[in-house]
Amino acid sequence: MLSSHAVREHYDDLLAFIHDEDLGECRVYFVRPINRIGNRMSAGAGRAVIEALANDPVLGREATAVLRGRGHNQ
């Protein structure tokens, strides 16, 4: 999966993807990489982005799972 190969250099692109509603549900695959990469760049940076997505109708479920520390299937 493309999102699993995301690295620091892709972070700005990931942020653009996650906010582009025209991309629909596929944006959910970028929630975890944003959290992972953002937090490595600056403590809490990725989490802050994910917190802002918690009430999103498309991304909220995955964002909430990330915030609670749950895996994909939990």
C-alpha atoms as a PDB file:
ATOM      1  CA  MET A   1       0.000   0.000   0.000  1.00  0.00           C
ATOM      2  CA  LEU A   2       1.281   3.425  -0.927  1.00  0.00           C
ATOM      3  CA  SER A   3       0.584   4.937   2.491  1.00  0.00           C
ATOM      4  CA  SER A   4       2.909   2.446   4.199  1.00  0.00           C
ATOM      5  CA  HIS A   5       5.815   3.814   2.147  1.00  0.00           C
ATOM      6  CA  ALA A   6       5.264   7.432   3.152  1.00  0.00           C
ATOM      7  CA  VAL A   7       8.274   9.184   4.645  1.00  0.00           C
ATOM      8  CA  ARG A   8       9.041  12.605   6.061  1.00  0.00           C
ATOM      9  CA  GLU A   9       9.494  14.116   2.604  1.00  0.00           C
ATOM     10  CA  HIS A  10       5.861  13.209   1.814  1.00  0.00           C
ATOM     11  CA  TYR A  11       4.330  14.826   4.900  1.00  0.00           C
ATOM     12  CA  ASP A  12       3.109  18.013   3.224  1.00  0.00           C
ATOM     13  CA  ASP A  13       1.570  15.939   0.431  1.00  0.00           C
ATOM     14  CA  LEU A  14      -0.141  13.695   2.987  1.00  0.00           C
ATOM     15  CA  LEU A  15      -1.644  16.747   4.653  1.00  0.00           C
ATOM     16  CA  ALA A  16      -2.905  17.969   1.286  1.00  0.00           C
ATOM     17  CA  PHE A  17      -4.428  14.544   0.509  1.00  0.00           C
ATOM     18  CA  ILE A  18      -6.177  14.240   3.851  1.00  0.00           C
ATOM     19  CA  HIS A  19      -7.887  17.595   3.396  1.00  0.00           C
ATOM     20  CA  ASP A  20      -8.914  17.026  -0.244  1.00  0.00           C
ATOM     21  CA  GLU A  21     -12.503  15.831   0.114  1.00  0.00           C
ATOM     22  CA  ASP A  22     -12.631  15.029  -3.613  1.00  0.00           C
ATOM     23  CA  LEU A  23     -10.439  12.001  -2.841  1.00  0.00           C
ATOM     24  CA  GLY A  24     -13.251  10.494  -0.766  1.00  0.00           C
ATOM     25  CA  GLU A  25     -12.780   7.516   1.536  1.00  0.00           C
ATOM     26  CA  CYS A  26      -9.320   6.570   0.285  1.00  0.00           C
ATOM     27  CA  ARG A  27      -8.000   9.401   2.474  1.00  0.00           C
ATOM     28  CA  VAL A  28      -8.441   7.126   5.483  1.00  0.00           C
ATOM     29  CA  TYR A  29      -5.215   5.329   4.514  1.00  0.00           C
ATOM     30  CA  PHE A  30      -3.203   8.476   5.217  1.00  0.00           C
ATOM     31  CA  VAL A  31      -4.379   9.031   8.800  1.00  0.00           C
ATOM     32  CA  ARG A  32      -1.848   6.692  10.423  1.00  0.00           C
ATOM     33  CA  PRO A  33       1.153   7.846   8.346  1.00  0.00           C
ATOM     34  CA  ILE A  34       0.329  11.476   9.195  1.00  0.00           C
ATOM     35  CA  ASN A  35       0.270  10.591  12.872  1.00  0.00           C
ATOM     36  CA  ARG A  36       3.494   8.578  12.693  1.00  0.00           C
ATOM     37  CA  ILE A  37       5.521  10.995  10.582  1.00  0.00           C
ATOM     38  CA  GLY A  38       4.176  14.149  12.217  1.00  0.00           C
ATOM     39  CA  ASN A  39       4.999  12.887  15.699  1.00  0.00           C
ATOM     40  CA  ARG A  40       8.526  11.973  14.617  1.00  0.00           C
ATOM     41  CA  MET A  41       9.055  15.444  13.168  1.00  0.00           C
ATOM     42  CA  SER A  42       7.811  17.246  16.263  1.00  0.00           C
ATOM     43  CA  ALA A  43       6.312  15.760  19.414  1.00  0.00           C
ATOM     44  CA  GLY A  44       2.531  15.845  19.150  1.00  0.00           C
ATOM     45  CA  ALA A  45       2.386  17.387  15.664  1.00  0.00           C
ATOM     46  CA  GLY A  46       0.826  14.334  14.030  1.00  0.00           C
ATOM     47  CA  ARG A  47      -1.558  13.828  16.913  1.00  0.00           C
ATOM     48  CA  ALA A  48      -2.775  17.425  16.608  1.00  0.00           C
ATOM     49  CA  VAL A  49      -3.700  16.830  12.972  1.00  0.00           C
ATOM     50  CA  ILE A  50      -5.484  13.592  13.855  1.00  0.00           C
ATOM     51  CA  GLU A  51      -7.380  15.253  16.711  1.00  0.00           C
ATOM     52  CA  ALA A  52      -8.731  17.780  14.202  1.00  0.00           C
ATOM     53  CA  LEU A  53     -10.072  14.874  12.114  1.00  0.00           C
ATOM     54  CA  ALA A  54     -11.893  13.078  14.933  1.00  0.00           C
ATOM     55  CA  ASN A  55     -15.271  14.585  14.008  1.00  0.00           C
ATOM     56  CA  ASP A  56     -14.856  14.244  10.255  1.00  0.00           C
ATOM     57  CA  PRO A  57     -17.697  12.142   8.788  1.00  0.00           C
ATOM     58  CA  VAL A  58     -15.306  10.102   6.614  1.00  0.00           C
ATOM     59  CA  LEU A  59     -12.104  10.040   8.650  1.00  0.00           C
ATOM     60  CA  GLY A  60     -13.450  10.261  12.196  1.00  0.00           C
ATOM     61  CA  ARG A  61     -13.594   6.558  12.936  1.00  0.00           C
ATOM     62  CA  GLU A  62      -9.980   5.946  11.935  1.00  0.00           C
ATOM     63  CA  ALA A  63      -8.805   9.146  13.615  1.00  0.00           C
ATOM     64  CA  THR A  64     -10.514   8.120  16.853  1.00  0.00           C
ATOM     65  CA  ALA A  65      -8.937   4.654  16.676  1.00  0.00           C
ATOM     66  CA  VAL A  66      -5.500   6.220  16.254  1.00  0.00           C
ATOM     67  CA  LEU A  67      -6.075   8.575  19.177  1.00  0.00           C
ATOM     68  CA  ARG A  68      -7.108   5.646  21.364  1.00  0.00           C
ATOM     69  CA  GLY A  69      -4.038   3.651  20.304  1.00  0.00           C
ATOM     70  CA  ARG A  70      -6.005   0.955  18.561  1.00  0.00           C
ATOM     71  CA  GLY A  71      -4.867  -1.065  15.588  1.00  0.00           C
ATOM     72  CA  HIS A  72      -6.699  -1.373  12.270  1.00  0.00           C
ATOM     73  CA  ASN A  73      -8.821  -4.331  13.343  1.00  0.00           C
ATOM     74  CA  GLN A  74      -9.650  -3.373  16.914  1.00  0.00           C
END
